[in-house]
Amino acid sequence: MTDAHIYWKSMAAMHINVVTVPHALAHVRYMSGTRAKSIYDAQVELMRELHDIPVVDMYNITYEAQEHMRPGDGRHYTVFFNVMLLDYFYPTKELSNVAVFSQ
């Protein structure tokens, strides 16, 4: 498929500071903003080395989006925020008319 385009979707930022559910703490034992940033940096560098593969940068756009996390979850964002990101990266006629910050 010679006309196919390859893009790398980076990981999203993690926000361990919003984890509040005590029984979930075992699931986030190794969750770390520093580790996440290290992985992100390594991925971006690898994509650059692999002939400049474009990166859909989820890390930087989610770094300051902790208010859009699922309640008590430091890894997963709300459906609303995911739809907003989808519209940002892939605008469609149906989604681009939605006032995403009104909720």
C-alpha atoms as a PDB file:
ATOM      1  CA  MET A   1       0.000   0.000   0.000  1.00  0.00           C
ATOM      2  CA  THR A   2       2.264   2.709  -1.262  1.00  0.00           C
ATOM      3  CA  ASP A   3      -0.144   5.551  -0.534  1.00  0.00           C
ATOM      4  CA  ALA A   4      -0.807   4.573   3.090  1.00  0.00           C
ATOM      5  CA  HIS A   5       0.297   7.033   5.768  1.00  0.00           C
ATOM      6  CA  ILE A   6       1.806   5.910   9.066  1.00  0.00           C
ATOM      7  CA  TYR A   7       1.348   7.940  12.257  1.00  0.00           C
ATOM      8  CA  TRP A   8       2.374   7.169  15.835  1.00  0.00           C
ATOM      9  CA  LYS A   9      -0.141   7.930  18.577  1.00  0.00           C
ATOM     10  CA  SER A  10       1.814   8.773  21.699  1.00  0.00           C
ATOM     11  CA  MET A  11       0.752   7.761  25.159  1.00  0.00           C
ATOM     12  CA  ALA A  12      -1.305  10.169  27.249  1.00  0.00           C
ATOM     13  CA  ALA A  13      -0.011  11.782  30.411  1.00  0.00           C
ATOM     14  CA  MET A  14      -0.747  10.067  33.716  1.00  0.00           C
ATOM     15  CA  HIS A  15      -2.051  11.898  36.757  1.00  0.00           C
ATOM     16  CA  ILE A  16      -1.428   9.810  39.872  1.00  0.00           C
ATOM     17  CA  ASN A  17      -2.459  12.768  42.026  1.00  0.00           C
ATOM     18  CA  VAL A  18      -6.136  12.217  41.133  1.00  0.00           C
ATOM     19  CA  VAL A  19      -6.209   8.569  42.257  1.00  0.00           C
ATOM     20  CA  THR A  20      -8.439   8.523  45.324  1.00  0.00           C
ATOM     21  CA  VAL A  21      -9.947   5.061  45.630  1.00  0.00           C
ATOM     22  CA  PRO A  22      -7.977   3.141  48.321  1.00  0.00           C
ATOM     23  CA  HIS A  23      -8.532  -0.299  46.772  1.00  0.00           C
ATOM     24  CA  ALA A  24      -7.141   0.983  43.436  1.00  0.00           C
ATOM     25  CA  LEU A  25      -3.797   1.958  44.926  1.00  0.00           C
ATOM     26  CA  ALA A  26      -2.315  -1.486  44.206  1.00  0.00           C
ATOM     27  CA  HIS A  27      -3.118  -0.961  40.516  1.00  0.00           C
ATOM     28  CA  VAL A  28      -1.148   2.284  40.364  1.00  0.00           C
ATOM     29  CA  ARG A  29       1.861   1.182  42.402  1.00  0.00           C
ATOM     30  CA  TYR A  30       4.270   1.709  39.492  1.00  0.00           C
ATOM     31  CA  MET A  31       2.424   4.598  37.886  1.00  0.00           C
ATOM     32  CA  SER A  32       4.752   7.575  37.605  1.00  0.00           C
ATOM     33  CA  GLY A  33       4.725  10.852  35.728  1.00  0.00           C
ATOM     34  CA  THR A  34       8.504  10.606  35.358  1.00  0.00           C
ATOM     35  CA  ARG A  35       8.310   7.122  33.840  1.00  0.00           C
ATOM     36  CA  ALA A  36       5.529   8.193  31.505  1.00  0.00           C
ATOM     37  CA  LYS A  37       7.580  11.169  30.294  1.00  0.00           C
ATOM     38  CA  SER A  38      10.630   8.926  29.742  1.00  0.00           C
ATOM     39  CA  ILE A  39       8.583   6.521  27.616  1.00  0.00           C
ATOM     40  CA  TYR A  40       7.058   9.404  25.683  1.00  0.00           C
ATOM     41  CA  ASP A  41      10.490  10.939  24.978  1.00  0.00           C
ATOM     42  CA  ALA A  42      11.880   7.578  23.809  1.00  0.00           C
ATOM     43  CA  GLN A  43       8.890   7.022  21.496  1.00  0.00           C
ATOM     44  CA  VAL A  44       9.182  10.473  19.922  1.00  0.00           C
ATOM     45  CA  GLU A  45      12.926  10.005  19.382  1.00  0.00           C
ATOM     46  CA  LEU A  46      12.373   6.591  17.778  1.00  0.00           C
ATOM     47  CA  MET A  47       9.727   7.982  15.413  1.00  0.00           C
ATOM     48  CA  ARG A  48      12.162  10.742  14.414  1.00  0.00           C
ATOM     49  CA  GLU A  49      14.863   8.156  13.709  1.00  0.00           C
ATOM     50  CA  LEU A  50      12.415   6.051  11.650  1.00  0.00           C
ATOM     51  CA  HIS A  51      12.304   8.606   8.844  1.00  0.00           C
ATOM     52  CA  ASP A  52      10.341  11.257  10.707  1.00  0.00           C
ATOM     53  CA  ILE A  53       7.107   9.343  11.292  1.00  0.00           C
ATOM     54  CA  PRO A  54       4.531  11.943  12.400  1.00  0.00           C
ATOM     55  CA  VAL A  55       3.445  11.700  16.034  1.00  0.00           C
ATOM     56  CA  VAL A  56      -0.128  12.371  17.156  1.00  0.00           C
ATOM     57  CA  ASP A  57       0.958  14.031  20.381  1.00  0.00           C
ATOM     58  CA  MET A  58      -1.426  12.891  23.094  1.00  0.00           C
ATOM     59  CA  TYR A  59       1.082  13.412  25.906  1.00  0.00           C
ATOM     60  CA  ASN A  60       1.462  17.174  25.632  1.00  0.00           C
ATOM     61  CA  ILE A  61      -2.225  17.794  25.022  1.00  0.00           C
ATOM     62  CA  THR A  62      -3.190  15.712  28.081  1.00  0.00           C
ATOM     63  CA  TYR A  63      -0.417  16.865  30.424  1.00  0.00           C
ATOM     64  CA  GLU A  64      -2.558  19.579  32.003  1.00  0.00           C
ATOM     65  CA  ALA A  65      -5.904  17.827  31.589  1.00  0.00           C
ATOM     66  CA  GLN A  66      -6.198  16.111  34.953  1.00  0.00           C
ATOM     67  CA  GLU A  67      -9.673  17.569  35.457  1.00  0.00           C
ATOM     68  CA  HIS A  68     -10.822  15.363  32.573  1.00  0.00           C
ATOM     69  CA  MET A  69      -9.802  12.091  34.229  1.00  0.00           C
ATOM     70  CA  ARG A  70     -12.413   9.513  35.154  1.00  0.00           C
ATOM     71  CA  PRO A  71     -13.198   9.943  38.865  1.00  0.00           C
ATOM     72  CA  GLY A  72     -10.423   8.433  40.974  1.00  0.00           C
ATOM     73  CA  ASP A  73      -8.541   7.176  37.891  1.00  0.00           C
ATOM     74  CA  GLY A  74      -5.121   8.554  36.958  1.00  0.00           C
ATOM     75  CA  ARG A  75      -4.814   6.801  33.583  1.00  0.00           C
ATOM     76  CA  HIS A  76      -8.145   7.010  31.783  1.00  0.00           C
ATOM     77  CA  TYR A  77      -9.919  10.105  30.544  1.00  0.00           C
ATOM     78  CA  THR A  78     -13.661  10.702  30.357  1.00  0.00           C
ATOM     79  CA  VAL A  79     -15.608   9.835  27.232  1.00  0.00           C
ATOM     80  CA  PHE A  80     -16.330  13.550  26.814  1.00  0.00           C
ATOM     81  CA  PHE A  81     -12.610  14.400  26.755  1.00  0.00           C
ATOM     82  CA  ASN A  82     -11.825  11.532  24.367  1.00  0.00           C
ATOM     83  CA  VAL A  83     -14.506  12.798  21.965  1.00  0.00           C
ATOM     84  CA  MET A  84     -13.056  16.304  22.251  1.00  0.00           C
ATOM     85  CA  LEU A  85      -9.572  14.977  21.387  1.00  0.00           C
ATOM     86  CA  LEU A  86     -10.944  12.973  18.489  1.00  0.00           C
ATOM     87  CA  ASP A  87     -12.578  16.135  17.145  1.00  0.00           C
ATOM     88  CA  TYR A  88      -9.338  18.069  17.635  1.00  0.00           C
ATOM     89  CA  PHE A  89      -7.182  15.612  15.693  1.00  0.00           C
ATOM     90  CA  TYR A  90      -9.834  14.430  13.221  1.00  0.00           C
ATOM     91  CA  PRO A  91     -12.489  17.137  12.854  1.00  0.00           C
ATOM     92  CA  THR A  92     -15.761  16.055  11.304  1.00  0.00           C
ATOM     93  CA  LYS A  93     -18.784  18.051  10.320  1.00  0.00           C
ATOM     94  CA  GLU A  94     -20.855  16.348  13.040  1.00  0.00           C
ATOM     95  CA  LEU A  95     -18.378  16.922  15.894  1.00  0.00           C
ATOM     96  CA  SER A  96     -16.840  20.264  14.969  1.00  0.00           C
ATOM     97  CA  ASN A  97     -20.075  22.141  15.711  1.00  0.00           C
ATOM     98  CA  VAL A  98     -20.263  20.830  19.289  1.00  0.00           C
ATOM     99  CA  ALA A  99     -19.301  23.308  22.019  1.00  0.00           C
ATOM    100  CA  VAL A 100     -16.946  20.948  23.814  1.00  0.00           C
ATOM    101  CA  PHE A 101     -16.141  23.256  26.710  1.00  0.00           C
ATOM    102  CA  SER A 102     -19.783  23.907  27.590  1.00  0.00           C
ATOM    103  CA  GLN A 103     -20.167  20.764  29.727  1.00  0.00           C
END
